[in-house]
Amino acid sequence: MAKTAADVLVETIHDWGVDIIFGLPGDGINGIMESLRTRQDNIHFIQVRHEEAAAFMACAYAKFTGKLSVCLATSEALVDPLEPTLPQDETERL
């Protein structure tokens, strides 16, 4: 089967050392979710109930582990729920 853009994205994130992704599935990221499902032995997906929770969890994970962290949100959510964590992440260079 041919590689998709989602496959390349997930492989690249894994190559950067990411092993956990926090997020909320949705129609806009079904391809990424399928790519994560096929690589669930390498990258774990932690499902949340709100996009803002994913952003805060990724921020906390990065602070406490010193690792690169990722939050994933669908396109319908836009960026508004993720916005509260951005100023803090920028000042702390996360």
Foldseek 3Di string as FASTA:
>chain_A
DDDDPLLVVVVVCVVLPAAEEEEADDDQCVVNVVNCVVVVVRHPYHYDDFQLVRLVVQVVCCVVVVGHYYYDYGPVVPCVSNPVCVVVCVVVVD
